[in-house]
Amino acid sequence: MVGAVPQATPLQKHRFEVIKEYGGCVPCLLMGHKDVHATIEHVTEHGRRKGKGNEQHDQTVGLCGYHHFGHCWHGRTKRRMIEMVGPALTFGRKYFEEYFGREETLVELQDLIVDTYDETPWAPYNMPEHVVAEVRELWIKLNREEYT
């Protein structure tokens, strides 16, 4: 990215905290592994973050070290990781999005997690099962709409 990164607003910083401490990695969650530590991934298009100014911080999703950077979990091979939790974004956006849906879809799922947390907070790395179910249901609905 070229240029200075705009400062996140207090609300955006809160989003980042919820992603990292209470939401975890969205693709892992979709694959049945909830509460996996996550980093912040800004959605990009043609190598640039989406959104103007600090709006780019609203287009974010939680990804673990594997889904973000391709770092395999201890003792696991790339092939085993793909079998367990799908492909990493670093292996190619097209491959990643064929598996999980567009990044914008993941942002919608992340928005649901943040909004649900704000309504009824839970302990760090302890997402309630009903939230997991809601996220998975929305994921299925959004991907069904995209491909029909």
C-alpha atoms as a PDB file:
ATOM      1  CA  MET A   1       0.000   0.000   0.000  1.00  0.00           C
ATOM      2  CA  VAL A   2       1.275   3.448  -0.860  1.00  0.00           C
ATOM      3  CA  GLY A   3       0.941   6.378   1.511  1.00  0.00           C
ATOM      4  CA  ALA A   4       0.097   6.796   5.154  1.00  0.00           C
ATOM      5  CA  VAL A   5      -2.443   4.504   6.757  1.00  0.00           C
ATOM      6  CA  PRO A   6      -5.381   6.539   8.081  1.00  0.00           C
ATOM      7  CA  GLN A   7      -6.020   6.370  11.811  1.00  0.00           C
ATOM      8  CA  ALA A   8      -8.817   4.078  12.926  1.00  0.00           C
ATOM      9  CA  THR A   9     -11.696   5.697  14.774  1.00  0.00           C
ATOM     10  CA  PRO A  10     -12.540   4.543  18.313  1.00  0.00           C
ATOM     11  CA  LEU A  11     -15.403   2.459  16.873  1.00  0.00           C
ATOM     12  CA  GLN A  12     -13.049   0.825  14.366  1.00  0.00           C
ATOM     13  CA  LYS A  13     -10.522   0.119  17.131  1.00  0.00           C
ATOM     14  CA  HIS A  14     -13.347  -1.548  19.045  1.00  0.00           C
ATOM     15  CA  ARG A  15     -14.082  -3.656  15.927  1.00  0.00           C
ATOM     16  CA  PHE A  16     -10.428  -4.747  15.817  1.00  0.00           C
ATOM     17  CA  GLU A  17     -10.537  -5.699  19.509  1.00  0.00           C
ATOM     18  CA  VAL A  18     -13.702  -7.760  19.043  1.00  0.00           C
ATOM     19  CA  ILE A  19     -12.199  -9.495  16.000  1.00  0.00           C
ATOM     20  CA  LYS A  20      -8.963 -10.367  17.798  1.00  0.00           C
ATOM     21  CA  GLU A  21     -10.274 -11.172  21.292  1.00  0.00           C
ATOM     22  CA  TYR A  22     -13.858 -12.379  20.875  1.00  0.00           C
ATOM     23  CA  GLY A  23     -14.445 -13.425  17.264  1.00  0.00           C
ATOM     24  CA  GLY A  24     -11.350 -15.221  16.084  1.00  0.00           C
ATOM     25  CA  CYS A  25     -10.662 -16.454  12.565  1.00  0.00           C
ATOM     26  CA  VAL A  26     -13.836 -16.445  10.455  1.00  0.00           C
ATOM     27  CA  PRO A  27     -12.775 -19.192   7.979  1.00  0.00           C
ATOM     28  CA  CYS A  28     -11.741 -21.441  10.885  1.00  0.00           C
ATOM     29  CA  LEU A  29     -15.111 -20.797  12.507  1.00  0.00           C
ATOM     30  CA  LEU A  30     -16.853 -21.808   9.285  1.00  0.00           C
ATOM     31  CA  MET A  31     -14.836 -25.049   9.242  1.00  0.00           C
ATOM     32  CA  GLY A  32     -15.791 -25.929  12.824  1.00  0.00           C
ATOM     33  CA  HIS A  33     -12.788 -24.509  14.688  1.00  0.00           C
ATOM     34  CA  LYS A  34     -14.073 -21.609  16.763  1.00  0.00           C
ATOM     35  CA  ASP A  35     -12.041 -19.179  18.841  1.00  0.00           C
ATOM     36  CA  VAL A  36      -8.825 -19.437  16.808  1.00  0.00           C
ATOM     37  CA  HIS A  37      -6.606 -16.385  17.403  1.00  0.00           C
ATOM     38  CA  ALA A  38      -6.880 -13.900  14.539  1.00  0.00           C
ATOM     39  CA  THR A  39      -5.130 -10.951  12.952  1.00  0.00           C
ATOM     40  CA  ILE A  40      -6.868  -8.140  11.089  1.00  0.00           C
ATOM     41  CA  GLU A  41      -7.141  -8.567   7.314  1.00  0.00           C
ATOM     42  CA  HIS A  42      -8.146  -5.493   5.318  1.00  0.00           C
ATOM     43  CA  VAL A  43     -10.101  -6.407   2.192  1.00  0.00           C
ATOM     44  CA  THR A  44      -8.232  -5.411  -0.951  1.00  0.00           C
ATOM     45  CA  GLU A  45      -9.042  -4.991  -4.595  1.00  0.00           C
ATOM     46  CA  HIS A  46      -6.262  -4.891  -7.182  1.00  0.00           C
ATOM     47  CA  GLY A  47      -3.686  -4.668  -4.389  1.00  0.00           C
ATOM     48  CA  ARG A  48      -5.290  -1.692  -2.640  1.00  0.00           C
ATOM     49  CA  ARG A  49      -7.418  -1.602   0.474  1.00  0.00           C
ATOM     50  CA  LYS A  50     -11.106  -1.079  -0.223  1.00  0.00           C
ATOM     51  CA  GLY A  51     -12.649   2.116   1.111  1.00  0.00           C
ATOM     52  CA  LYS A  52     -11.499   5.702   1.156  1.00  0.00           C
ATOM     53  CA  GLY A  53      -9.675   7.157   4.131  1.00  0.00           C
ATOM     54  CA  ASN A  54     -10.393   5.436   7.378  1.00  0.00           C
ATOM     55  CA  GLU A  55     -13.419   3.640   5.816  1.00  0.00           C
ATOM     56  CA  GLN A  56     -10.930   0.928   4.866  1.00  0.00           C
ATOM     57  CA  HIS A  57     -10.918  -0.163   8.514  1.00  0.00           C
ATOM     58  CA  ASP A  58     -14.597  -1.124   8.199  1.00  0.00           C
ATOM     59  CA  GLN A  59     -13.695  -3.653   5.474  1.00  0.00           C
ATOM     60  CA  THR A  60     -11.867  -6.011   7.800  1.00  0.00           C
ATOM     61  CA  VAL A  61     -12.120  -9.645   8.788  1.00  0.00           C
ATOM     62  CA  GLY A  62     -10.343 -11.835  11.312  1.00  0.00           C
ATOM     63  CA  LEU A  63      -7.925 -14.378   9.838  1.00  0.00           C
ATOM     64  CA  CYS A  64      -5.565 -16.665  11.739  1.00  0.00           C
ATOM     65  CA  GLY A  65      -1.890 -16.946  10.867  1.00  0.00           C
ATOM     66  CA  TYR A  66      -2.685 -19.818   8.537  1.00  0.00           C
ATOM     67  CA  HIS A  67      -5.622 -18.252   6.643  1.00  0.00           C
ATOM     68  CA  HIS A  68      -3.846 -14.876   6.449  1.00  0.00           C
ATOM     69  CA  PHE A  69      -0.210 -15.830   5.820  1.00  0.00           C
ATOM     70  CA  GLY A  70      -0.191 -19.602   5.204  1.00  0.00           C
ATOM     71  CA  HIS A  71       1.579 -20.480   8.473  1.00  0.00           C
ATOM     72  CA  CYS A  72       0.620 -24.089   9.164  1.00  0.00           C
ATOM     73  CA  TRP A  73      -0.385 -25.135  12.651  1.00  0.00           C
ATOM     74  CA  HIS A  74       2.320 -26.980  14.579  1.00  0.00           C
ATOM     75  CA  GLY A  75       3.188 -30.301  12.991  1.00  0.00           C
ATOM     76  CA  ARG A  76       0.734 -29.992  10.100  1.00  0.00           C
ATOM     77  CA  THR A  77       1.519 -29.851   6.401  1.00  0.00           C
ATOM     78  CA  LYS A  78      -0.017 -27.441   3.908  1.00  0.00           C
ATOM     79  CA  ARG A  79      -2.022 -30.335   2.443  1.00  0.00           C
ATOM     80  CA  ARG A  80      -3.363 -31.346   5.871  1.00  0.00           C
ATOM     81  CA  MET A  81      -4.266 -27.742   6.670  1.00  0.00           C
ATOM     82  CA  ILE A  82      -6.250 -27.434   3.436  1.00  0.00           C
ATOM     83  CA  GLU A  83      -8.082 -30.664   4.294  1.00  0.00           C
ATOM     84  CA  MET A  84      -8.857 -29.411   7.819  1.00  0.00           C
ATOM     85  CA  VAL A  85      -9.679 -25.730   7.343  1.00  0.00           C
ATOM     86  CA  GLY A  86      -9.541 -24.920   3.618  1.00  0.00           C
ATOM     87  CA  PRO A  87      -7.035 -22.821   1.695  1.00  0.00           C
ATOM     88  CA  ALA A  88      -5.172 -19.768   2.954  1.00  0.00           C
ATOM     89  CA  LEU A  89      -5.637 -16.376   1.306  1.00  0.00           C
ATOM     90  CA  THR A  90      -1.918 -16.268   0.556  1.00  0.00           C
ATOM     91  CA  PHE A  91      -2.314 -19.351  -1.716  1.00  0.00           C
ATOM     92  CA  GLY A  92      -4.404 -17.200  -4.066  1.00  0.00           C
ATOM     93  CA  ARG A  93      -7.498 -15.048  -3.709  1.00  0.00           C
ATOM     94  CA  LYS A  94      -9.418 -17.016  -6.352  1.00  0.00           C
ATOM     95  CA  TYR A  95      -8.828 -20.352  -4.601  1.00  0.00           C
ATOM     96  CA  PHE A  96      -9.677 -18.833  -1.196  1.00  0.00           C
ATOM     97  CA  GLU A  97     -12.870 -17.192  -2.468  1.00  0.00           C
ATOM     98  CA  GLU A  98     -14.011 -20.330  -4.314  1.00  0.00           C
ATOM     99  CA  TYR A  99     -13.892 -22.076  -0.954  1.00  0.00           C
ATOM    100  CA  PHE A 100     -15.217 -19.413   1.426  1.00  0.00           C
ATOM    101  CA  GLY A 101     -16.979 -16.887  -0.817  1.00  0.00           C
ATOM    102  CA  ARG A 102     -15.937 -13.343  -1.623  1.00  0.00           C
ATOM    103  CA  GLU A 103     -14.062 -11.391   1.017  1.00  0.00           C
ATOM    104  CA  GLU A 104     -17.036  -9.033   1.158  1.00  0.00           C
ATOM    105  CA  THR A 105     -19.123 -12.018   2.270  1.00  0.00           C
ATOM    106  CA  LEU A 106     -16.648 -12.684   5.075  1.00  0.00           C
ATOM    107  CA  VAL A 107     -16.919  -9.021   6.100  1.00  0.00           C
ATOM    108  CA  GLU A 108     -20.704  -9.463   6.404  1.00  0.00           C
ATOM    109  CA  LEU A 109     -20.122 -12.473   8.636  1.00  0.00           C
ATOM    110  CA  GLN A 110     -17.610 -10.472  10.667  1.00  0.00           C
ATOM    111  CA  ASP A 111     -20.160  -7.656  11.005  1.00  0.00           C
ATOM    112  CA  LEU A 112     -22.673 -10.170  12.403  1.00  0.00           C
ATOM    113  CA  ILE A 113     -20.128 -11.379  14.961  1.00  0.00           C
ATOM    114  CA  VAL A 114     -19.239  -7.830  16.052  1.00  0.00           C
ATOM    115  CA  ASP A 115     -22.898  -6.736  16.236  1.00  0.00           C
ATOM    116  CA  THR A 116     -23.899  -9.836  18.199  1.00  0.00           C
ATOM    117  CA  TYR A 117     -20.997  -9.362  20.600  1.00  0.00           C
ATOM    118  CA  ASP A 118     -21.998  -5.715  21.128  1.00  0.00           C
ATOM    119  CA  GLU A 119     -25.574  -6.795  21.971  1.00  0.00           C
ATOM    120  CA  THR A 120     -24.556  -9.615  24.326  1.00  0.00           C
ATOM    121  CA  PRO A 121     -20.829  -9.752  25.133  1.00  0.00           C
ATOM    122  CA  TRP A 122     -19.106 -13.035  25.899  1.00  0.00           C
ATOM    123  CA  ALA A 123     -15.772 -13.933  27.483  1.00  0.00           C
ATOM    124  CA  PRO A 124     -12.636 -13.802  25.314  1.00  0.00           C
ATOM    125  CA  TYR A 125     -12.258 -16.837  23.035  1.00  0.00           C
ATOM    126  CA  ASN A 126     -15.578 -18.281  24.150  1.00  0.00           C
ATOM    127  CA  MET A 127     -18.055 -17.569  21.344  1.00  0.00           C
ATOM    128  CA  PRO A 128     -21.486 -18.999  22.186  1.00  0.00           C
ATOM    129  CA  GLU A 129     -22.663 -21.894  20.024  1.00  0.00           C
ATOM    130  CA  HIS A 130     -25.802 -20.014  18.923  1.00  0.00           C
ATOM    131  CA  VAL A 131     -23.574 -17.291  17.432  1.00  0.00           C
ATOM    132  CA  VAL A 132     -21.517 -19.926  15.607  1.00  0.00           C
ATOM    133  CA  ALA A 133     -24.755 -21.368  14.181  1.00  0.00           C
ATOM    134  CA  GLU A 134     -26.016 -17.920  13.090  1.00  0.00           C
ATOM    135  CA  VAL A 135     -22.741 -17.156  11.322  1.00  0.00           C
ATOM    136  CA  ARG A 136     -22.731 -20.490   9.490  1.00  0.00           C
ATOM    137  CA  GLU A 137     -26.395 -20.056   8.468  1.00  0.00           C
ATOM    138  CA  LEU A 138     -25.697 -16.582   7.077  1.00  0.00           C
ATOM    139  CA  TRP A 139     -22.616 -17.909   5.241  1.00  0.00           C
ATOM    140  CA  ILE A 140     -24.692 -20.605   3.553  1.00  0.00           C
ATOM    141  CA  LYS A 141     -27.426 -18.096   2.658  1.00  0.00           C
ATOM    142  CA  LEU A 142     -24.999 -15.518   1.218  1.00  0.00           C
ATOM    143  CA  ASN A 143     -23.107 -18.078  -0.836  1.00  0.00           C
ATOM    144  CA  ARG A 144     -26.321 -19.657  -2.095  1.00  0.00           C
ATOM    145  CA  GLU A 145     -27.504 -16.215  -3.286  1.00  0.00           C
ATOM    146  CA  GLU A 146     -24.158 -15.538  -4.948  1.00  0.00           C
ATOM    147  CA  TYR A 147     -24.168 -18.761  -6.973  1.00  0.00           C
ATOM    148  CA  THR A 148     -27.864 -18.979  -7.943  1.00  0.00           C
END
